[in-house]
Amino acid sequence: MSNQKTQHEARLNASLDRIYHRLQWIADTEARAAWFNGFGANGELDSQRERLIQQAETVLDQLEAIGGSPKFHQG
C-alpha cells in the first residue's frame, strides 16, 4: 500500500472517529435532556445527527473506493 494511500486512509478514519464522538455527544445530550425536558429533548439536534450520518456514509464510500477499511476504535 502506498504511503499516500495510507495517509489518506488514516485521514478518513480520523474523520470517522470525529463523527462518532460528535454523534455520541448528541446521544448523551439527548438522553440527559429527556429527564429534564432540556436542550435536545425536542429534536433540536436531529438535523445535526442526520448531517453527521450522511458525512459518515460519504467517508465510508471513500474508504471503500480506495480499498481501505474502517479501523474504527472507540477512544
Protein backbone atom coordinates (compact mmCIF):
# COMPACT_ATOMS: atom_id res chain seq x y z
CA MET A 1 0.00 0.00 0.00
CA SER A 2 1.42 3.36 -0.97
CA ASN A 3 2.28 5.90 1.67
CA GLN A 4 -0.12 8.40 0.09
CA LYS A 5 -2.98 5.88 0.22
CA THR A 6 -2.10 5.01 3.82
CA GLN A 7 -2.16 8.68 4.80
CA HIS A 8 -5.49 9.23 3.00
CA GLU A 9 -6.96 6.17 4.72
CA ALA A 10 -5.73 7.46 8.09
CA ARG A 11 -7.34 10.87 7.47
CA LEU A 12 -10.64 9.23 6.52
CA ASN A 13 -10.55 7.05 9.62
CA ALA A 14 -9.79 10.12 11.74
CA SER A 15 -12.87 11.77 10.22
CA LEU A 16 -14.96 8.76 11.18
CA ASP A 17 -13.63 8.98 14.71
CA ARG A 18 -14.58 12.68 14.99
CA ILE A 19 -18.05 11.96 13.58
CA TYR A 20 -18.52 9.09 16.05
CA HIS A 21 -17.57 11.29 19.01
CA ARG A 22 -19.93 14.05 17.93
CA LEU A 23 -22.78 11.56 17.43
CA GLN A 24 -22.07 10.15 20.89
CA TRP A 25 -22.19 13.65 22.36
CA ILE A 26 -25.58 14.20 20.68
CA ALA A 27 -26.91 10.90 22.06
CA ASP A 28 -25.66 11.73 25.56
CA THR A 29 -27.13 15.24 25.40
CA GLU A 30 -30.50 13.93 24.28
CA ALA A 31 -30.52 11.26 26.96
CA ARG A 32 -29.83 13.83 29.70
CA ALA A 33 -32.35 16.24 28.19
CA ALA A 34 -35.09 13.63 28.26
CA TRP A 35 -35.04 13.69 32.06
CA PHE A 36 -35.45 17.44 32.35
CA ASN A 37 -37.01 18.40 29.01
CA GLY A 38 -33.86 20.38 28.28
CA PHE A 39 -31.99 21.22 25.09
CA GLY A 40 -32.10 18.22 22.78
CA ALA A 41 -35.29 16.72 24.19
CA ASN A 42 -37.45 18.13 21.41
CA GLY A 43 -35.41 17.24 18.34
CA GLU A 44 -33.11 20.27 18.30
CA LEU A 45 -30.17 18.06 17.32
CA ASP A 46 -31.94 15.90 14.72
CA SER A 47 -30.67 17.82 11.70
CA GLN A 48 -27.11 17.77 13.01
CA ARG A 49 -27.31 14.00 13.61
CA GLU A 50 -28.65 13.42 10.09
CA ARG A 51 -25.87 15.56 8.59
CA LEU A 52 -23.22 13.63 10.53
CA ILE A 53 -24.67 10.28 9.44
CA GLN A 54 -24.55 11.44 5.81
CA GLN A 55 -20.94 12.55 6.30
CA ALA A 56 -20.06 9.15 7.77
CA GLU A 57 -21.63 7.39 4.78
CA THR A 58 -19.61 9.57 2.41
CA VAL A 59 -16.38 8.80 4.28
CA LEU A 60 -17.15 5.07 4.25
CA ASP A 61 -17.78 5.25 0.50
CA GLN A 62 -14.43 6.99 0.05
CA LEU A 63 -12.69 4.31 2.11
CA GLU A 64 -14.30 1.60 0.01
CA ALA A 65 -13.27 3.37 -3.21
CA ILE A 66 -9.58 3.33 -2.23
CA GLY A 67 -9.74 -0.23 -0.98
CA GLY A 68 -9.34 0.86 2.62
CA SER A 69 -11.26 -0.27 5.63
CA PRO A 70 -12.66 1.48 8.64
CA LYS A 71 -10.30 0.98 11.50
CA PHE A 72 -12.75 2.45 13.92
CA HIS A 73 -11.98 2.30 17.57
CA GLN A 74 -13.63 3.93 20.49
CA GLY A 75 -11.21 6.06 22.36
